[in-house]
Amino acid sequence: MPDDVEVLKKLGHLEQLLVLLTRTQLEPVLQKEFADPRMQKLYELTGTHGQRELKKELNMSANTISDAWKRWEQMGLLVREGQEYRRVL
């Protein structure tokens, strides 16, 4: 029976492969979604700042932010946790 260290190494390797495959498939989608640098910044700050702070910092309306979050949740780029969103990537 493999020890815990071996299992963790194999899981780490599988995680690396999964990230590589996911990024390869998502690259065209991400380029389209983040063509506007403000949208990329919004994604990067999601989960670390509230909507009010993001509105001020990015000069975006609440509707723009909310619409982006809903779209990204449907695409699987965000996960909703209670009242907040968490980035997947």
PDB file of N, CA and C in Angstrom:
ATOM      1  N   MET A   1       0.851  -1.182   0.000  1.00  0.00           N
ATOM      2  CA  MET A   1       0.000   0.000   0.000  1.00  0.00           C
ATOM      3  C   MET A   1       0.899   1.248   0.000  1.00  0.00           C
ATOM      4  N   PRO A   2       0.603   2.204  -0.899  1.00  0.00           N
ATOM      5  CA  PRO A   2       1.457   3.395  -0.978  1.00  0.00           C
ATOM      6  C   PRO A   2       1.318   4.246   0.280  1.00  0.00           C
ATOM      7  N   ASP A   3       2.431   4.898   0.623  1.00  0.00           N
ATOM      8  CA  ASP A   3       2.369   5.760   1.797  1.00  0.00           C
ATOM      9  C   ASP A   3       1.775   7.120   1.424  1.00  0.00           C
ATOM     10  N   ASP A   4       1.514   7.921   2.441  1.00  0.00           N
ATOM     11  CA  ASP A   4       0.856   9.214   2.240  1.00  0.00           C
ATOM     12  C   ASP A   4       1.666  10.151   1.347  1.00  0.00           C
ATOM     13  N   VAL A   5       2.983  10.104   1.457  1.00  0.00           N
ATOM     14  CA  VAL A   5       3.837  10.983   0.657  1.00  0.00           C
ATOM     15  C   VAL A   5       3.673  10.668  -0.828  1.00  0.00           C
ATOM     16  N   GLU A   6       3.650   9.386  -1.167  1.00  0.00           N
ATOM     17  CA  GLU A   6       3.458   8.986  -2.571  1.00  0.00           C
ATOM     18  C   GLU A   6       2.097   9.438  -3.097  1.00  0.00           C
ATOM     19  N   VAL A   7       1.090   9.246  -2.302  1.00  0.00           N
ATOM     20  CA  VAL A   7      -0.261   9.643  -2.699  1.00  0.00           C
ATOM     21  C   VAL A   7      -0.326  11.151  -2.922  1.00  0.00           C
ATOM     22  N   LEU A   8       0.270  11.911  -2.025  1.00  0.00           N
ATOM     23  CA  LEU A   8       0.270  13.368  -2.167  1.00  0.00           C
ATOM     24  C   LEU A   8       1.042  13.806  -3.404  1.00  0.00           C
ATOM     25  N   LYS A   9       2.146  13.154  -3.709  1.00  0.00           N
ATOM     26  CA  LYS A   9       2.912  13.480  -4.917  1.00  0.00           C
ATOM     27  C   LYS A   9       2.070  13.217  -6.162  1.00  0.00           C
ATOM     28  N   LYS A  10       1.400  12.083  -6.180  1.00  0.00           N
ATOM     29  CA  LYS A  10       0.567  11.739  -7.339  1.00  0.00           C
ATOM     30  C   LYS A  10      -0.604  12.704  -7.477  1.00  0.00           C
ATOM     31  N   LEU A  11      -1.208  13.079  -6.371  1.00  0.00           N
ATOM     32  CA  LEU A  11      -2.297  14.054  -6.420  1.00  0.00           C
ATOM     33  C   LEU A  11      -1.798  15.408  -6.910  1.00  0.00           C
ATOM     34  N   GLY A  12      -0.623  15.802  -6.469  1.00  0.00           N
ATOM     35  CA  GLY A  12      -0.027  17.053  -6.935  1.00  0.00           C
ATOM     36  C   GLY A  12       0.226  17.026  -8.433  1.00  0.00           C
ATOM     37  N   HIS A  13       0.701  15.894  -8.926  1.00  0.00           N
ATOM     38  CA  HIS A  13       0.944  15.754 -10.361  1.00  0.00           C
ATOM     39  C   HIS A  13      -0.379  15.808 -11.136  1.00  0.00           C
ATOM     40  N   LEU A  14      -1.382  15.127 -10.640  1.00  0.00           N
ATOM     41  CA  LEU A  14      -2.697  15.166 -11.284  1.00  0.00           C
ATOM     42  C   LEU A  14      -3.265  16.584 -11.295  1.00  0.00           C
ATOM     43  N   GLU A  15      -3.068  17.305 -10.209  1.00  0.00           N
ATOM     44  CA  GLU A  15      -3.540  18.692 -10.148  1.00  0.00           C
ATOM     45  C   GLU A  15      -2.842  19.542 -11.205  1.00  0.00           C
ATOM     46  N   GLN A  16      -1.544  19.379 -11.357  1.00  0.00           N
ATOM     47  CA  GLN A  16      -0.799  20.137 -12.371  1.00  0.00           C
ATOM     48  C   GLN A  16      -1.321  19.833 -13.774  1.00  0.00           C
ATOM     49  N   LEU A  17      -1.566  18.561 -14.055  1.00  0.00           N
ATOM     50  CA  LEU A  17      -2.090  18.185 -15.370  1.00  0.00           C
ATOM     51  C   LEU A  17      -3.480  18.763 -15.598  1.00  0.00           C
ATOM     52  N   LEU A  18      -4.309  18.725 -14.580  1.00  0.00           N
ATOM     53  CA  LEU A  18      -5.659  19.272 -14.689  1.00  0.00           C
ATOM     54  C   LEU A  18      -5.622  20.772 -14.948  1.00  0.00           C
ATOM     55  N   VAL A  19      -4.755  21.492 -14.254  1.00  0.00           N
ATOM     56  CA  VAL A  19      -4.615  22.926 -14.470  1.00  0.00           C
ATOM     57  C   VAL A  19      -4.178  23.201 -15.901  1.00  0.00           C
ATOM     58  N   LEU A  20      -3.205  22.440 -16.397  1.00  0.00           N
ATOM     59  CA  LEU A  20      -2.720  22.612 -17.761  1.00  0.00           C
ATOM     60  C   LEU A  20      -3.838  22.383 -18.777  1.00  0.00           C
ATOM     61  N   LEU A  21      -4.570  21.300 -18.623  1.00  0.00           N
ATOM     62  CA  LEU A  21      -5.667  20.997 -19.545  1.00  0.00           C
ATOM     63  C   LEU A  21      -6.769  22.057 -19.480  1.00  0.00           C
ATOM     64  N   THR A  22      -7.086  22.488 -18.284  1.00  0.00           N
ATOM     65  CA  THR A  22      -8.135  23.491 -18.105  1.00  0.00           C
ATOM     66  C   THR A  22      -7.738  24.810 -18.744  1.00  0.00           C
ATOM     67  N   ARG A  23      -6.524  25.249 -18.494  1.00  0.00           N
ATOM     68  CA  ARG A  23      -6.067  26.515 -19.072  1.00  0.00           C
ATOM     69  C   ARG A  23      -6.051  26.449 -20.599  1.00  0.00           C
ATOM     70  N   THR A  24      -5.633  25.331 -21.147  1.00  0.00           N
ATOM     71  CA  THR A  24      -5.596  25.178 -22.596  1.00  0.00           C
ATOM     72  C   THR A  24      -6.997  25.324 -23.188  1.00  0.00           C
ATOM     73  N   GLN A  25      -7.967  24.736 -22.550  1.00  0.00           N
ATOM     74  CA  GLN A  25      -9.340  24.795 -23.039  1.00  0.00           C
ATOM     75  C   GLN A  25      -9.984  26.155 -22.793  1.00  0.00           C
ATOM     76  N   LEU A  26      -9.612  26.790 -21.694  1.00  0.00           N
ATOM     77  CA  LEU A  26     -10.254  28.051 -21.317  1.00  0.00           C
ATOM     78  C   LEU A  26      -9.591  29.288 -21.920  1.00  0.00           C
ATOM     79  N   GLU A  27      -8.401  29.156 -22.444  1.00  0.00           N
ATOM     80  CA  GLU A  27      -7.662  30.323 -22.923  1.00  0.00           C
ATOM     81  C   GLU A  27      -8.477  31.201 -23.875  1.00  0.00           C
ATOM     82  N   PRO A  28      -9.124  30.634 -24.908  1.00  0.00           N
ATOM     83  CA  PRO A  28      -9.918  31.502 -25.804  1.00  0.00           C
ATOM     84  C   PRO A  28     -11.072  32.205 -25.082  1.00  0.00           C
ATOM     85  N   VAL A  29     -11.696  31.523 -24.165  1.00  0.00           N
ATOM     86  CA  VAL A  29     -12.807  32.103 -23.398  1.00  0.00           C
ATOM     87  C   VAL A  29     -12.291  33.243 -22.523  1.00  0.00           C
ATOM     88  N   LEU A  30     -11.176  33.017 -21.859  1.00  0.00           N
ATOM     89  CA  LEU A  30     -10.613  34.032 -20.977  1.00  0.00           C
ATOM     90  C   LEU A  30     -10.154  35.262 -21.758  1.00  0.00           C
ATOM     91  N   GLN A  31      -9.565  35.047 -22.924  1.00  0.00           N
ATOM     92  CA  GLN A  31      -9.129  36.183 -23.736  1.00  0.00           C
ATOM     93  C   GLN A  31     -10.316  37.054 -24.134  1.00  0.00           C
ATOM     94  N   LYS A  32     -11.416  36.418 -24.473  1.00  0.00           N
ATOM     95  CA  LYS A  32     -12.618  37.175 -24.852  1.00  0.00           C
ATOM     96  C   LYS A  32     -13.202  37.904 -23.641  1.00  0.00           C
ATOM     97  N   GLU A  33     -13.329  37.199 -22.524  1.00  0.00           N
ATOM     98  CA  GLU A  33     -13.925  37.790 -21.322  1.00  0.00           C
ATOM     99  C   GLU A  33     -13.084  38.927 -20.760  1.00  0.00           C
ATOM    100  N   PHE A  34     -11.777  38.799 -20.873  1.00  0.00           N
ATOM    101  CA  PHE A  34     -10.883  39.770 -20.250  1.00  0.00           C
ATOM    102  C   PHE A  34     -10.218  40.684 -21.269  1.00  0.00           C
ATOM    103  N   ALA A  35     -10.852  40.874 -22.413  1.00  0.00           N
ATOM    104  CA  ALA A  35     -10.322  41.807 -23.416  1.00  0.00           C
ATOM    105  C   ALA A  35     -10.268  43.220 -22.838  1.00  0.00           C
ATOM    106  N   ASP A  36     -11.241  43.549 -22.009  1.00  0.00           N
ATOM    107  CA  ASP A  36     -11.248  44.830 -21.297  1.00  0.00           C
ATOM    108  C   ASP A  36     -10.431  44.641 -20.010  1.00  0.00           C
ATOM    109  N   PRO A  37      -9.342  45.369 -19.856  1.00  0.00           N
ATOM    110  CA  PRO A  37      -8.503  45.202 -18.655  1.00  0.00           C
ATOM    111  C   PRO A  37      -9.259  45.401 -17.340  1.00  0.00           C
ATOM    112  N   ARG A  38     -10.312  46.215 -17.371  1.00  0.00           N
ATOM    113  CA  ARG A  38     -11.090  46.418 -16.139  1.00  0.00           C
ATOM    114  C   ARG A  38     -11.816  45.137 -15.747  1.00  0.00           C
ATOM    115  N   MET A  39     -12.253  44.361 -16.741  1.00  0.00           N
ATOM    116  CA  MET A  39     -12.926  43.094 -16.438  1.00  0.00           C
ATOM    117  C   MET A  39     -11.936  42.090 -15.854  1.00  0.00           C
ATOM    118  N   GLN A  40     -10.731  42.076 -16.373  1.00  0.00           N
ATOM    119  CA  GLN A  40      -9.712  41.193 -15.809  1.00  0.00           C
ATOM    120  C   GLN A  40      -9.411  41.598 -14.372  1.00  0.00           C
ATOM    121  N   LYS A  41      -9.305  42.891 -14.134  1.00  0.00           N
ATOM    122  CA  LYS A  41      -9.046  43.383 -12.775  1.00  0.00           C
ATOM    123  C   LYS A  41     -10.217  43.033 -11.850  1.00  0.00           C
ATOM    124  N   LEU A  42     -11.441  43.164 -12.362  1.00  0.00           N
ATOM    125  CA  LEU A  42     -12.622  42.786 -11.582  1.00  0.00           C
ATOM    126  C   LEU A  42     -12.529  41.324 -11.175  1.00  0.00           C
ATOM    127  N   TYR A  43     -12.176  40.475 -12.122  1.00  0.00           N
ATOM    128  CA  TYR A  43     -12.067  39.043 -11.807  1.00  0.00           C
ATOM    129  C   TYR A  43     -10.977  38.811 -10.754  1.00  0.00           C
ATOM    130  N   GLU A  44      -9.842  39.458 -10.923  1.00  0.00           N
ATOM    131  CA  GLU A  44      -8.734  39.275  -9.978  1.00  0.00           C
ATOM    132  C   GLU A  44      -9.103  39.720  -8.565  1.00  0.00           C
ATOM    133  N   LEU A  45      -9.920  40.764  -8.460  1.00  0.00           N
ATOM    134  CA  LEU A  45     -10.287  41.305  -7.142  1.00  0.00           C
ATOM    135  C   LEU A  45     -11.529  40.656  -6.550  1.00  0.00           C
ATOM    136  N   THR A  46     -12.245  39.863  -7.350  1.00  0.00           N
ATOM    137  CA  THR A  46     -13.451  39.207  -6.856  1.00  0.00           C
ATOM    138  C   THR A  46     -13.091  38.270  -5.699  1.00  0.00           C
ATOM    139  N   GLY A  47     -13.848  38.403  -4.624  1.00  0.00           N
ATOM    140  CA  GLY A  47     -13.603  37.584  -3.446  1.00  0.00           C
ATOM    141  C   GLY A  47     -12.723  38.264  -2.415  1.00  0.00           C
ATOM    142  N   THR A  48     -12.073  39.363  -2.824  1.00  0.00           N
ATOM    143  CA  THR A  48     -11.211  40.091  -1.888  1.00  0.00           C
ATOM    144  C   THR A  48     -11.766  41.464  -1.555  1.00  0.00           C
ATOM    145  N   HIS A  49     -12.681  41.957  -2.381  1.00  0.00           N
ATOM    146  CA  HIS A  49     -13.285  43.274  -2.194  1.00  0.00           C
ATOM    147  C   HIS A  49     -14.797  43.153  -2.377  1.00  0.00           C
ATOM    148  N   GLY A  50     -15.518  43.996  -1.678  1.00  0.00           N
ATOM    149  CA  GLY A  50     -16.960  44.048  -1.849  1.00  0.00           C
ATOM    150  C   GLY A  50     -17.328  44.847  -3.092  1.00  0.00           C
ATOM    151  N   GLN A  51     -18.582  44.748  -3.481  1.00  0.00           N
ATOM    152  CA  GLN A  51     -19.040  45.430  -4.695  1.00  0.00           C
ATOM    153  C   GLN A  51     -18.854  46.949  -4.607  1.00  0.00           C
ATOM    154  N   ARG A  52     -19.103  47.530  -3.456  1.00  0.00           N
ATOM    155  CA  ARG A  52     -18.945  48.988  -3.315  1.00  0.00           C
ATOM    156  C   ARG A  52     -17.505  49.427  -3.575  1.00  0.00           C
ATOM    157  N   GLU A  53     -16.549  48.686  -3.000  1.00  0.00           N
ATOM    158  CA  GLU A  53     -15.146  49.020  -3.220  1.00  0.00           C
ATOM    159  C   GLU A  53     -14.761  48.848  -4.686  1.00  0.00           C
ATOM    160  N   LEU A  54     -15.272  47.784  -5.303  1.00  0.00           N
ATOM    161  CA  LEU A  54     -14.963  47.529  -6.712  1.00  0.00           C
ATOM    162  C   LEU A  54     -15.547  48.609  -7.614  1.00  0.00           C
ATOM    163  N   LYS A  55     -16.753  49.073  -7.290  1.00  0.00           N
ATOM    164  CA  LYS A  55     -17.367  50.148  -8.076  1.00  0.00           C
ATOM    165  C   LYS A  55     -16.461  51.371  -8.101  1.00  0.00           C
ATOM    166  N   LYS A  56     -15.963  51.749  -6.933  1.00  0.00           N
ATOM    167  CA  LYS A  56     -15.105  52.927  -6.837  1.00  0.00           C
ATOM    168  C   LYS A  56     -13.760  52.695  -7.522  1.00  0.00           C
ATOM    169  N   GLU A  57     -13.128  51.579  -7.197  1.00  0.00           N
ATOM    170  CA  GLU A  57     -11.778  51.320  -7.701  1.00  0.00           C
ATOM    171  C   GLU A  57     -11.740  51.154  -9.222  1.00  0.00           C
ATOM    172  N   LEU A  58     -12.766  50.489  -9.787  1.00  0.00           N
ATOM    173  CA  LEU A  58     -12.766  50.192 -11.218  1.00  0.00           C
ATOM    174  C   LEU A  58     -13.646  51.135 -12.031  1.00  0.00           C
ATOM    175  N   ASN A  59     -14.341  52.043 -11.338  1.00  0.00           N
ATOM    176  CA  ASN A  59     -15.250  52.969 -12.006  1.00  0.00           C
ATOM    177  C   ASN A  59     -16.271  52.215 -12.859  1.00  0.00           C
ATOM    178  N   MET A  60     -16.936  51.248 -12.224  1.00  0.00           N
ATOM    179  CA  MET A  60     -17.958  50.425 -12.883  1.00  0.00           C
ATOM    180  C   MET A  60     -19.269  50.570 -12.128  1.00  0.00           C
ATOM    181  N   SER A  61     -20.343  50.348 -12.839  1.00  0.00           N
ATOM    182  CA  SER A  61     -21.649  50.365 -12.183  1.00  0.00           C
ATOM    183  C   SER A  61     -21.884  49.032 -11.471  1.00  0.00           C
ATOM    184  N   ALA A  62     -22.784  49.062 -10.514  1.00  0.00           N
ATOM    185  CA  ALA A  62     -23.147  47.839  -9.798  1.00  0.00           C
ATOM    186  C   ALA A  62     -23.732  46.812 -10.761  1.00  0.00           C
ATOM    187  N   ASN A  63     -24.511  47.284 -11.751  1.00  0.00           N
ATOM    188  CA  ASN A  63     -25.096  46.359 -12.724  1.00  0.00           C
ATOM    189  C   ASN A  63     -24.038  45.668 -13.563  1.00  0.00           C
ATOM    190  N   THR A  64     -23.001  46.403 -13.969  1.00  0.00           N
ATOM    191  CA  THR A  64     -21.919  45.811 -14.763  1.00  0.00           C
ATOM    192  C   THR A  64     -21.218  44.725 -13.968  1.00  0.00           C
ATOM    193  N   ILE A  65     -20.936  45.009 -12.714  1.00  0.00           N
ATOM    194  CA  ILE A  65     -20.267  44.036 -11.844  1.00  0.00           C
ATOM    195  C   ILE A  65     -21.146  42.818 -11.626  1.00  0.00           C
ATOM    196  N   SER A  66     -22.400  43.062 -11.287  1.00  0.00           N
ATOM    197  CA  SER A  66     -23.337  41.972 -11.026  1.00  0.00           C
ATOM    198  C   SER A  66     -23.530  41.098 -12.269  1.00  0.00           C
ATOM    199  N   ASP A  67     -23.687  41.728 -13.419  1.00  0.00           N
ATOM    200  CA  ASP A  67     -23.853  40.967 -14.668  1.00  0.00           C
ATOM    201  C   ASP A  67     -22.626  40.116 -14.972  1.00  0.00           C
ATOM    202  N   ALA A  68     -21.441  40.683 -14.765  1.00  0.00           N
ATOM    203  CA  ALA A  68     -20.207  39.927 -15.004  1.00  0.00           C
ATOM    204  C   ALA A  68     -20.134  38.735 -14.058  1.00  0.00           C
ATOM    205  N   TRP A  69     -20.438  38.945 -12.790  1.00  0.00           N
ATOM    206  CA  TRP A  69     -20.381  37.847 -11.825  1.00  0.00           C
ATOM    207  C   TRP A  69     -21.367  36.743 -12.184  1.00  0.00           C
ATOM    208  N   LYS A  70     -22.567  37.104 -12.570  1.00  0.00           N
ATOM    209  CA  LYS A  70     -23.561  36.089 -12.948  1.00  0.00           C
ATOM    210  C   LYS A  70     -23.099  35.312 -14.183  1.00  0.00           C
ATOM    211  N   ARG A  71     -22.569  36.039 -15.174  1.00  0.00           N
ATOM    212  CA  ARG A  71     -22.080  35.392 -16.397  1.00  0.00           C
ATOM    213  C   ARG A  71     -20.922  34.442 -16.067  1.00  0.00           C
ATOM    214  N   TRP A  72     -19.991  34.910 -15.241  1.00  0.00           N
ATOM    215  CA  TRP A  72     -18.837  34.090 -14.886  1.00  0.00           C
ATOM    216  C   TRP A  72     -19.238  32.886 -14.040  1.00  0.00           C
ATOM    217  N   GLU A  73     -20.276  33.041 -13.234  1.00  0.00           N
ATOM    218  CA  GLU A  73     -20.765  31.892 -12.464  1.00  0.00           C
ATOM    219  C   GLU A  73     -21.342  30.847 -13.411  1.00  0.00           C
ATOM    220  N   GLN A  74     -22.105  31.281 -14.390  1.00  0.00           N
ATOM    221  CA  GLN A  74     -22.666  30.347 -15.373  1.00  0.00           C
ATOM    222  C   GLN A  74     -21.580  29.656 -16.187  1.00  0.00           C
ATOM    223  N   MET A  75     -20.489  30.363 -16.440  1.00  0.00           N
ATOM    224  CA  MET A  75     -19.373  29.808 -17.203  1.00  0.00           C
ATOM    225  C   MET A  75     -18.494  28.893 -16.348  1.00  0.00           C
ATOM    226  N   GLY A  76     -18.672  28.950 -15.033  1.00  0.00           N
ATOM    227  CA  GLY A  76     -17.869  28.136 -14.139  1.00  0.00           C
ATOM    228  C   GLY A  76     -16.585  28.811 -13.685  1.00  0.00           C
ATOM    229  N   LEU A  77     -16.453  30.114 -13.947  1.00  0.00           N
ATOM    230  CA  LEU A  77     -15.257  30.847 -13.529  1.00  0.00           C
ATOM    231  C   LEU A  77     -15.354  31.321 -12.089  1.00  0.00           C
ATOM    232  N   LEU A  78     -16.573  31.397 -11.573  1.00  0.00           N
ATOM    233  CA  LEU A  78     -16.819  31.786 -10.181  1.00  0.00           C
ATOM    234  C   LEU A  78     -17.727  30.759  -9.529  1.00  0.00           C
ATOM    235  N   VAL A  79     -17.599  30.664  -8.219  1.00  0.00           N
ATOM    236  CA  VAL A  79     -18.490  29.825  -7.415  1.00  0.00           C
ATOM    237  C   VAL A  79     -19.094  30.720  -6.356  1.00  0.00           C
ATOM    238  N   ARG A  80     -20.382  30.603  -6.187  1.00  0.00           N
ATOM    239  CA  ARG A  80     -21.054  31.412  -5.165  1.00  0.00           C
ATOM    240  C   ARG A  80     -20.971  30.691  -3.824  1.00  0.00           C
ATOM    241  N   GLU A  81     -20.533  31.435  -2.814  1.00  0.00           N
ATOM    242  CA  GLU A  81     -20.458  30.915  -1.449  1.00  0.00           C
ATOM    243  C   GLU A  81     -21.231  31.860  -0.551  1.00  0.00           C
ATOM    244  N   GLY A  82     -22.465  31.507  -0.272  1.00  0.00           N
ATOM    245  CA  GLY A  82     -23.333  32.391   0.503  1.00  0.00           C
ATOM    246  C   GLY A  82     -23.659  33.623  -0.311  1.00  0.00           C
ATOM    247  N   GLN A  83     -23.302  34.785   0.218  1.00  0.00           N
ATOM    248  CA  GLN A  83     -23.556  36.058  -0.452  1.00  0.00           C
ATOM    249  C   GLN A  83     -22.385  36.493  -1.343  1.00  0.00           C
ATOM    250  N   GLU A  84     -21.288  35.750  -1.318  1.00  0.00           N
ATOM    251  CA  GLU A  84     -20.090  36.169  -2.015  1.00  0.00           C
ATOM    252  C   GLU A  84     -19.704  35.174  -3.115  1.00  0.00           C
ATOM    253  N   TYR A  85     -18.811  35.640  -3.983  1.00  0.00           N
ATOM    254  CA  TYR A  85     -18.266  34.793  -5.042  1.00  0.00           C
ATOM    255  C   TYR A  85     -16.804  34.484  -4.754  1.00  0.00           C
ATOM    256  N   ARG A  86     -16.386  33.310  -5.226  1.00  0.00           N
ATOM    257  CA  ARG A  86     -14.988  32.911  -5.122  1.00  0.00           C
ATOM    258  C   ARG A  86     -14.511  32.527  -6.506  1.00  0.00           C
ATOM    259  N   ARG A  87     -13.314  32.996  -6.859  1.00  0.00           N
ATOM    260  CA  ARG A  87     -12.732  32.668  -8.163  1.00  0.00           C
ATOM    261  C   ARG A  87     -12.342  31.193  -8.192  1.00  0.00           C
ATOM    262  N   VAL A  88     -12.490  30.590  -9.361  1.00  0.00           N
ATOM    263  CA  VAL A  88     -12.085  29.210  -9.547  1.00  0.00           C
ATOM    264  C   VAL A  88     -10.632  29.146 -10.004  1.00  0.00           C
ATOM    265  N   LEU A  89     -10.237  30.092 -10.824  1.00  0.00           N
ATOM    266  CA  LEU A  89      -8.857  30.114 -11.335  1.00  0.00           C
ATOM    267  C   LEU A  89      -8.016  31.109 -10.581  1.00  0.00           C
TER     268      LEU A  89
END
